[in-house]
Amino acid sequence: MKTRIVASLLLGTALSIAAGSFAIAQDKTVKIGALSDQSGLYADVGGPGSTLAAQMAVEDSGLTAKGWKIDIVSGDHQNKPDVGAAIARQWFDVDKVDTIVDVPNSGVALAVNNVVKEKNGVYINSGAATSDLTNAQCSPNTVHWTYDTYMLAHTTGQALVKAGGDTWFFLTADYAFGAALERDTTAVVLANGGKVVGSVKHPLNTSDFSSFLLQAQASKAKIIGLANAGGDTTNAIKQAAEFGIVKGGQKLAALLLFITDVKAIGLETAQGLNFTETFYWDMNDRTREFSKKFAARMKNGAPPTMVQAGVYSGLIHYFKALDALGSNPHDGVKVVEKMKSIPTDDPLFGKGEIQPNGRTIHPAYLFEVKKPSESKTPWDFYKLIATVPGDQAFTPLSESKCAMLKK
């Protein structure tokens, strides 16, 4: 009798273990956290639009038809690194999030980067620009998808120096992004024979640039480099027009400009600005098709920004990696390794690759803002000046300071 009981218990245990192993083997449940600025100066750049882009990527992935269950949650980091890190930790520990996307604001991104590595999740960065994410603070869990400060400096910055803008003064947002963008652009200016005559730091999300612009104007620099983004950039450009800075012979360098910024500034004031993006809604039939669907679901009817497009494309590639793995999406390093092993190819950014340090390589485009008379339809703001191949736009792997590459 005892023998039968023991045998039954052993059989039950074996069946439970087998059932558990089968469940693990067939695990096709994923939760994605879209972490952004939902109401501040970067809300139009990422915000609700990034959450929509993530949802559209789920819909277009085809994974739900293959038995995958994919949920999306969103959070507001308020442009505060401690808030962003706390949300990320809550998501991993309590809400069982597997992947975080977006995160505009480099200070927040670097904090989230550390949490994701600690929790062995996946971080697909689209919103933050600092090149440190694939250099000094690189992680095997992070993919930097859309753009970075190195790219901005080596396209917009280099083009302006070569066009004769050989003296610079920087207006720099006083946090990680601004510091990285000024650093990388300064290196380009000096390497091309230019000179930086001064700089001034301004608080994040400031409304009054008068004192900073007066310093830039007094410097007599040919180029005033705006090492900021979102509402800070639009406010600086509008107030520079009020001061007559461009009419006085100095040129503004919008080192990071988004289509929503141009809309906020207006073509009359923004016309002639040169800047770099890796996505524009009106590039080709595929970008126009996606952008039309996206705009139809946005309350303001806006096409996707470069950041929002990056959320979509980064997740499309992530889903390809999950499909290739077949199941078990919870080992972040393993998922990112699979992402790196597959060439990138999507409707919005085209063909490319993910380097071993996590940097995605794809073309960058130097644009100029159209004159009002040149704009024929709503959101028809850009004219293409030059296309820069990805291997020229982004940090060469040989120059990367990523510790992973030195093992």
Protein backbone atom coordinates (compact mmCIF):
# COMPACT_ATOMS: atom_id res chain seq x y z
CA MET A 1 0.00 0.00 0.00
CA LYS A 2 2.78 2.38 1.00
CA THR A 3 4.58 1.50 -2.22
CA ARG A 4 1.53 2.48 -4.28
CA ILE A 5 1.18 5.80 -2.42
CA VAL A 6 4.85 6.65 -2.94
CA ALA A 7 4.62 5.68 -6.60
CA SER A 8 1.52 7.85 -7.03
CA LEU A 9 3.25 10.80 -5.37
CA LEU A 10 6.33 10.38 -7.55
CA LEU A 11 4.17 10.14 -10.66
CA GLY A 12 2.23 13.25 -9.65
CA THR A 13 5.44 15.16 -9.02
CA ALA A 14 6.87 14.09 -12.36
CA LEU A 15 3.72 15.16 -14.16
CA SER A 16 3.75 18.53 -12.39
CA ILE A 17 7.40 19.10 -13.33
CA ALA A 18 6.71 18.06 -16.90
CA ALA A 19 3.69 20.36 -17.09
CA GLY A 20 5.71 23.21 -15.66
CA SER A 21 8.55 22.63 -18.11
CA PHE A 22 6.06 22.52 -20.99
CA ALA A 23 4.50 25.79 -19.84
CA ILE A 24 7.94 27.44 -19.70
CA ALA A 25 8.82 26.07 -23.12
CA GLN A 26 5.59 27.50 -24.58
CA ASP A 27 5.77 30.88 -22.81
CA LYS A 28 4.57 33.44 -25.34
CA THR A 29 3.49 36.25 -23.02
CA VAL A 30 5.16 39.67 -23.29
CA LYS A 31 4.55 42.99 -21.58
CA ILE A 32 5.99 46.21 -22.97
CA GLY A 33 6.32 49.49 -21.07
CA ALA A 34 6.27 52.74 -23.06
CA LEU A 35 8.08 55.14 -20.72
CA SER A 36 7.93 58.74 -21.87
CA ASP A 37 7.27 62.36 -21.04
CA GLN A 38 3.48 62.37 -21.20
CA SER A 39 2.76 66.01 -20.41
CA GLY A 40 5.99 68.07 -20.43
CA LEU A 41 8.29 69.60 -23.03
CA TYR A 42 8.89 66.26 -24.83
CA ALA A 43 5.27 65.07 -24.85
CA ASP A 44 4.75 65.92 -28.54
CA VAL A 45 8.02 64.23 -29.47
CA GLY A 46 7.20 60.95 -27.69
CA GLY A 47 4.37 60.84 -25.17
CA PRO A 48 1.01 59.37 -26.21
CA GLY A 49 2.28 59.11 -29.79
CA SER A 50 4.99 56.68 -28.71
CA THR A 51 2.40 54.53 -26.94
CA LEU A 52 0.32 54.53 -30.14
CA ALA A 53 3.38 53.56 -32.19
CA ALA A 54 4.01 50.64 -29.84
CA GLN A 55 0.40 49.48 -30.21
CA MET A 56 0.63 49.70 -34.00
CA ALA A 57 3.81 47.61 -33.92
CA VAL A 58 1.98 44.90 -31.96
CA GLU A 59 -0.86 44.96 -34.50
CA ASP A 60 1.52 44.76 -37.47
CA SER A 61 3.85 42.13 -35.99
CA GLY A 62 1.61 39.15 -36.74
CA LEU A 63 2.61 37.53 -33.44
CA THR A 64 -0.86 37.51 -31.89
CA ALA A 65 -2.01 35.24 -34.72
CA LYS A 66 0.81 32.88 -33.70
CA GLY A 67 -0.38 32.56 -30.12
CA TRP A 68 1.52 35.41 -28.50
CA LYS A 69 -0.14 37.60 -25.85
CA ILE A 70 1.35 41.10 -25.91
CA ASP A 71 0.30 43.86 -23.50
CA ILE A 72 1.39 47.49 -23.41
CA VAL A 73 1.52 49.79 -20.39
CA SER A 74 2.60 53.42 -20.35
CA GLY A 75 4.25 55.66 -17.79
CA ASP A 76 5.27 59.30 -17.31
CA HIS A 77 8.85 59.81 -16.11
CA GLN A 78 8.29 63.59 -15.73
CA ASN A 79 11.85 64.17 -16.99
CA LYS A 80 13.19 63.05 -13.59
CA PRO A 81 15.78 60.21 -13.48
CA ASP A 82 14.63 59.02 -10.05
CA VAL A 83 11.01 58.85 -11.19
CA GLY A 84 11.95 57.00 -14.37
CA ALA A 85 14.10 54.48 -12.50
CA ALA A 86 11.36 53.92 -9.91
CA ILE A 87 8.78 53.22 -12.61
CA ALA A 88 11.15 50.83 -14.37
CA ARG A 89 11.84 48.96 -11.14
CA GLN A 90 8.11 48.73 -10.35
CA TRP A 91 7.41 47.44 -13.85
CA PHE A 92 10.00 44.67 -13.63
CA ASP A 93 9.43 43.65 -10.01
CA VAL A 94 5.64 43.90 -9.74
CA ASP A 95 4.06 44.30 -13.17
CA LYS A 96 6.30 41.75 -14.92
CA VAL A 97 7.24 44.04 -17.80
CA ASP A 98 9.81 42.51 -20.17
CA THR A 99 10.75 45.44 -22.38
CA ILE A 100 10.92 49.23 -22.03
CA VAL A 101 10.76 51.52 -25.06
CA ASP A 102 11.17 55.23 -25.83
CA VAL A 103 12.42 57.27 -22.76
CA PRO A 104 13.12 60.75 -24.14
CA ASN A 105 15.52 62.58 -21.77
CA SER A 106 19.06 61.27 -21.58
CA GLY A 107 19.33 61.60 -17.82
CA VAL A 108 16.28 59.39 -17.36
CA ALA A 109 17.49 57.01 -20.07
CA LEU A 110 20.83 56.41 -18.38
CA ALA A 111 19.08 55.67 -15.07
CA VAL A 112 16.62 53.29 -16.76
CA ASN A 113 19.49 51.66 -18.63
CA ASN A 114 21.01 50.58 -15.30
CA VAL A 115 17.72 49.18 -13.99
CA VAL A 116 17.07 47.20 -17.17
CA LYS A 117 20.54 45.66 -17.01
CA GLU A 118 20.06 44.76 -13.33
CA LYS A 119 16.70 43.11 -14.07
CA ASN A 120 17.87 41.46 -17.31
CA GLY A 121 15.11 43.07 -19.32
CA VAL A 122 15.22 44.66 -22.78
CA TYR A 123 15.54 48.39 -23.39
CA ILE A 124 14.89 49.72 -26.92
CA ASN A 125 15.78 53.39 -26.72
CA SER A 126 14.22 55.71 -29.26
CA GLY A 127 13.80 58.99 -27.42
CA ALA A 128 17.12 59.71 -25.70
CA ALA A 129 20.10 60.98 -27.67
CA THR A 130 23.20 60.53 -25.51
CA SER A 131 25.83 58.47 -27.29
CA ASP A 132 26.98 57.20 -23.88
CA LEU A 133 24.29 54.51 -24.13
CA THR A 134 26.45 52.69 -26.68
CA ASN A 135 29.80 53.90 -25.39
CA ALA A 136 30.84 54.48 -21.77
CA GLN A 137 27.54 53.18 -20.33
CA CYS A 138 26.68 50.49 -22.87
CA SER A 139 24.71 47.41 -21.79
CA PRO A 140 24.07 43.96 -23.32
CA ASN A 141 20.36 44.62 -22.65
CA THR A 142 20.06 47.89 -24.57
CA VAL A 143 19.51 48.75 -28.24
CA HIS A 144 19.85 52.41 -29.21
CA TRP A 145 17.59 52.69 -32.22
CA THR A 146 16.82 56.09 -33.69
CA TYR A 147 19.52 58.77 -33.36
CA ASP A 148 22.26 59.96 -31.01
CA THR A 149 24.43 62.96 -30.24
CA TYR A 150 27.36 61.65 -32.30
CA MET A 151 25.12 61.45 -35.38
CA LEU A 152 23.66 64.92 -34.82
CA ALA A 153 27.13 66.42 -34.42
CA HIS A 154 28.64 64.64 -37.41
CA THR A 155 25.84 65.59 -39.79
CA THR A 156 24.34 68.97 -38.90
CA GLY A 157 27.42 70.23 -37.08
CA GLN A 158 29.91 69.14 -39.71
CA ALA A 159 27.81 70.49 -42.59
CA LEU A 160 27.60 73.93 -41.00
CA VAL A 161 31.34 74.11 -40.25
CA LYS A 162 32.21 73.11 -43.81
CA ALA A 163 29.80 75.77 -45.08
CA GLY A 164 31.83 78.46 -43.31
CA GLY A 165 30.36 78.41 -39.80
CA ASP A 166 33.73 78.13 -38.09
CA THR A 167 33.01 79.96 -34.82
CA TRP A 168 30.41 78.58 -32.40
CA PHE A 169 28.62 79.53 -29.20
CA PHE A 170 26.44 76.91 -27.48
CA LEU A 171 23.11 77.28 -25.67
CA THR A 172 23.03 74.00 -23.79
CA ALA A 173 20.31 72.27 -21.79
CA ASP A 174 21.77 71.64 -18.34
CA TYR A 175 21.52 67.84 -18.14
CA ALA A 176 23.04 64.72 -19.68
CA PHE A 177 21.67 65.21 -23.20
CA GLY A 178 22.81 68.81 -23.54
CA ALA A 179 26.27 68.01 -22.20
CA ALA A 180 26.69 65.07 -24.59
CA LEU A 181 25.48 67.05 -27.60
CA GLU A 182 27.76 70.01 -26.86
CA ARG A 183 30.68 67.62 -26.26
CA ASP A 184 30.20 65.70 -29.50
CA THR A 185 29.57 68.82 -31.60
CA THR A 186 32.58 70.61 -30.11
CA ALA A 187 34.76 67.69 -31.17
CA VAL A 188 33.46 68.00 -34.75
CA VAL A 189 33.92 71.78 -34.85
CA LEU A 190 37.53 71.52 -33.64
CA ALA A 191 38.34 68.58 -35.93
CA ASN A 192 37.21 70.63 -38.92
CA GLY A 193 39.28 73.69 -38.05
CA GLY A 194 36.58 75.65 -36.23
CA LYS A 195 36.57 77.28 -32.82
CA VAL A 196 34.15 77.36 -29.88
CA VAL A 197 34.13 80.88 -28.44
CA GLY A 198 31.81 80.19 -25.51
CA SER A 199 28.76 78.44 -24.11
CA VAL A 200 26.04 78.88 -21.53
CA LYS A 201 23.85 76.32 -19.79
CA HIS A 202 20.13 76.85 -19.30
CA PRO A 203 17.67 75.01 -17.04
CA LEU A 204 15.53 72.28 -18.56
CA ASN A 205 12.11 73.53 -19.68
CA THR A 206 12.87 77.24 -19.29
CA SER A 207 10.57 79.87 -20.74
CA ASP A 208 12.92 82.86 -20.82
CA PHE A 209 16.04 82.66 -23.00
CA SER A 210 16.71 86.39 -23.11
CA SER A 211 19.87 86.45 -20.96
CA PHE A 212 21.29 83.37 -22.70
CA LEU A 213 20.59 84.75 -26.17
CA LEU A 214 22.17 88.10 -25.29
CA GLN A 215 25.37 86.27 -24.32
CA ALA A 216 25.30 84.35 -27.60
CA GLN A 217 24.67 87.53 -29.57
CA ALA A 218 27.51 89.35 -27.82
CA SER A 219 29.92 86.49 -28.62
CA LYS A 220 29.78 87.39 -32.35
CA ALA A 221 29.97 83.66 -33.13
CA LYS A 222 28.84 82.80 -36.65
CA ILE A 223 26.86 79.81 -35.35
CA ILE A 224 24.74 79.64 -32.22
CA GLY A 225 24.40 75.92 -31.50
CA LEU A 226 21.19 74.93 -29.74
CA ALA A 227 22.14 71.86 -27.71
CA ASN A 228 18.60 71.33 -26.46
CA ALA A 229 15.32 69.82 -27.66
CA GLY A 230 11.54 70.04 -27.71
CA GLY A 231 9.99 73.07 -26.05
CA ASP A 232 13.41 74.47 -25.16
CA THR A 233 14.43 74.53 -28.82
CA THR A 234 11.20 76.12 -30.01
CA ASN A 235 11.31 78.80 -27.31
CA ALA A 236 14.95 79.61 -28.08
CA ILE A 237 14.29 79.94 -31.81
CA LYS A 238 11.18 82.09 -31.35
CA GLN A 239 12.96 84.42 -28.92
CA ALA A 240 16.06 84.58 -31.13
CA ALA A 241 13.79 85.91 -33.89
CA GLU A 242 12.48 88.58 -31.52
CA PHE A 243 16.08 89.63 -30.79
CA GLY A 244 16.85 89.81 -34.52
CA ILE A 245 19.78 87.45 -34.14
CA VAL A 246 19.50 85.82 -37.57
CA LYS A 247 18.81 89.15 -39.27
CA GLY A 248 21.96 90.42 -37.56
CA GLY A 249 24.07 87.87 -39.44
CA GLN A 250 24.40 85.00 -36.96
CA LYS A 251 22.98 81.58 -37.81
CA LEU A 252 21.09 79.23 -35.50
CA ALA A 253 22.08 75.57 -35.54
CA ALA A 254 19.12 73.48 -34.39
CA LEU A 255 21.21 70.44 -33.48
CA LEU A 256 18.06 68.47 -32.66
CA LEU A 257 14.79 69.45 -34.28
CA PHE A 258 11.54 67.50 -34.69
CA ILE A 259 8.64 68.03 -37.05
CA THR A 260 6.43 69.01 -34.12
CA ASP A 261 8.96 71.72 -33.26
CA VAL A 262 8.74 73.16 -36.76
CA LYS A 263 4.95 73.17 -36.47
CA ALA A 264 5.17 75.03 -33.16
CA ILE A 265 7.67 77.59 -34.48
CA GLY A 266 5.96 78.14 -37.84
CA LEU A 267 7.61 78.14 -41.27
CA GLU A 268 7.97 81.92 -41.32
CA THR A 269 10.40 81.76 -38.40
CA ALA A 270 11.86 78.27 -38.94
CA GLN A 271 12.56 78.55 -42.68
CA GLY A 272 16.16 77.88 -43.65
CA LEU A 273 17.06 75.92 -40.51
CA ASN A 274 19.31 72.93 -41.20
CA PHE A 275 19.01 69.83 -39.03
CA THR A 276 19.26 66.04 -39.14
CA GLU A 277 16.68 63.29 -38.69
CA THR A 278 16.62 59.58 -39.47
CA PHE A 279 12.92 59.57 -40.38
CA TYR A 280 10.52 61.89 -42.20
CA TRP A 281 6.93 61.01 -42.97
CA ASP A 282 7.15 62.12 -46.63
CA MET A 283 10.29 60.20 -47.65
CA ASN A 284 8.62 57.48 -49.73
CA ASP A 285 5.40 55.52 -50.24
CA ARG A 286 6.02 53.27 -47.22
CA THR A 287 6.65 56.15 -44.80
CA ARG A 288 3.61 58.00 -46.17
CA GLU A 289 1.37 54.94 -45.78
CA PHE A 290 2.36 54.38 -42.16
CA SER A 291 2.17 58.08 -41.32
CA LYS A 292 -1.34 58.39 -42.75
CA LYS A 293 -2.53 55.53 -40.50
CA PHE A 294 -0.71 56.99 -37.50
CA ALA A 295 -2.06 60.53 -38.00
CA ALA A 296 -5.61 59.22 -38.32
CA ARG A 297 -5.33 57.84 -34.78
CA MET A 298 -3.71 60.93 -33.24
CA LYS A 299 -6.05 63.54 -31.77
CA ASN A 300 -4.09 66.38 -33.37
CA GLY A 301 -3.68 64.59 -36.70
CA ALA A 302 0.11 64.87 -36.54
CA PRO A 303 2.39 62.48 -38.43
CA PRO A 304 4.92 60.53 -36.36
CA THR A 305 8.08 62.18 -35.12
CA MET A 306 11.43 60.48 -35.55
CA VAL A 307 11.15 59.21 -31.96
CA GLN A 308 7.68 57.73 -32.42
CA ALA A 309 8.72 56.11 -35.69
CA GLY A 310 11.70 54.62 -33.87
CA VAL A 311 9.44 53.07 -31.23
CA TYR A 312 7.47 51.34 -33.97
CA SER A 313 10.50 50.14 -35.93
CA GLY A 314 12.47 49.03 -32.88
CA LEU A 315 9.56 46.92 -31.71
CA ILE A 316 8.97 45.44 -35.17
CA HIS A 317 12.55 44.18 -35.07
CA TYR A 318 12.13 42.99 -31.48
CA PHE A 319 9.09 40.97 -32.52
CA LYS A 320 11.10 39.39 -35.34
CA ALA A 321 13.61 38.26 -32.72
CA LEU A 322 10.84 36.81 -30.52
CA ASP A 323 9.40 34.98 -33.51
CA ALA A 324 12.83 33.53 -34.28
CA LEU A 325 13.31 32.42 -30.67
CA GLY A 326 9.84 30.88 -30.63
CA SER A 327 9.11 31.51 -26.93
CA ASN A 328 10.67 32.43 -23.58
CA PRO A 329 10.99 36.21 -24.06
CA HIS A 330 12.11 36.96 -20.50
CA ASP A 331 15.90 36.62 -20.81
CA GLY A 332 16.81 40.12 -21.94
CA VAL A 333 20.41 39.43 -22.93
CA LYS A 334 19.36 36.46 -25.04
CA VAL A 335 16.63 38.47 -26.79
CA VAL A 336 18.99 41.36 -27.55
CA GLU A 337 21.61 38.93 -28.87
CA LYS A 338 18.99 37.57 -31.26
CA MET A 339 18.06 41.10 -32.32
CA LYS A 340 21.70 41.80 -33.12
CA SER A 341 21.99 38.63 -35.19
CA ILE A 342 19.18 39.65 -37.56
CA PRO A 343 19.69 42.47 -40.13
CA THR A 344 17.22 45.30 -39.60
CA ASP A 345 14.70 45.99 -42.35
CA ASP A 346 11.43 47.84 -41.84
CA PRO A 347 9.20 50.28 -43.76
CA LEU A 348 10.29 53.38 -41.88
CA PHE A 349 14.08 53.16 -41.54
CA GLY A 350 14.94 50.68 -44.28
CA LYS A 351 17.84 48.26 -44.11
CA GLY A 352 20.52 48.33 -41.44
CA GLU A 353 22.11 46.42 -38.60
CA ILE A 354 22.61 46.48 -34.85
CA GLN A 355 26.25 46.71 -33.82
CA PRO A 356 27.64 44.62 -30.94
CA ASN A 357 27.49 47.71 -28.69
CA GLY A 358 23.74 48.04 -29.33
CA ARG A 359 23.89 50.95 -31.79
CA THR A 360 21.47 50.57 -34.71
CA ILE A 361 22.98 51.67 -38.01
CA HIS A 362 20.75 53.21 -40.68
CA PRO A 363 20.91 56.29 -42.95
CA ALA A 364 20.57 59.83 -41.61
CA TYR A 365 19.20 62.77 -43.58
CA LEU A 366 20.22 66.42 -43.58
CA PHE A 367 17.12 68.57 -44.09
CA GLU A 368 16.30 72.23 -44.48
CA VAL A 369 13.02 73.79 -43.38
CA LYS A 370 11.02 75.00 -46.39
CA LYS A 371 9.90 78.54 -46.99
CA PRO A 372 6.15 79.07 -46.50
CA SER A 373 5.75 79.41 -50.27
CA GLU A 374 7.36 76.00 -50.81
CA SER A 375 5.01 74.10 -48.49
CA LYS A 376 2.09 72.68 -50.46
CA THR A 377 0.23 70.52 -47.91
CA PRO A 378 -0.13 70.31 -44.09
CA TRP A 379 3.09 69.05 -42.48
CA ASP A 380 5.02 69.56 -45.75
CA PHE A 381 7.96 71.15 -43.97
CA TYR A 382 11.25 69.61 -45.11
CA LYS A 383 13.43 69.51 -48.18
CA LEU A 384 16.20 66.93 -48.36
CA ILE A 385 19.73 68.34 -48.61
CA ALA A 386 21.86 65.21 -48.21
CA THR A 387 21.68 61.53 -47.30
CA VAL A 388 24.41 60.26 -44.99
CA PRO A 389 25.02 56.47 -44.98
CA GLY A 390 24.70 54.87 -41.57
CA ASP A 391 28.34 53.82 -41.38
CA GLN A 392 29.31 57.48 -41.74
CA ALA A 393 26.61 58.99 -39.52
CA PHE A 394 27.13 56.90 -36.38
CA THR A 395 30.12 56.16 -34.17
CA PRO A 396 32.54 53.73 -35.84
CA LEU A 397 32.75 50.54 -33.83
CA SER A 398 36.52 51.00 -33.59
CA GLU A 399 35.96 54.21 -31.63
CA SER A 400 33.39 52.80 -29.24
CA LYS A 401 34.24 52.89 -25.55
CA CYS A 402 31.81 50.07 -24.81
CA ALA A 403 33.34 47.71 -22.24
CA MET A 404 31.58 44.73 -23.86
CA LEU A 405 33.78 45.11 -26.93
CA LYS A 406 36.96 44.91 -24.90
CA LYS A 407 36.33 41.57 -23.21
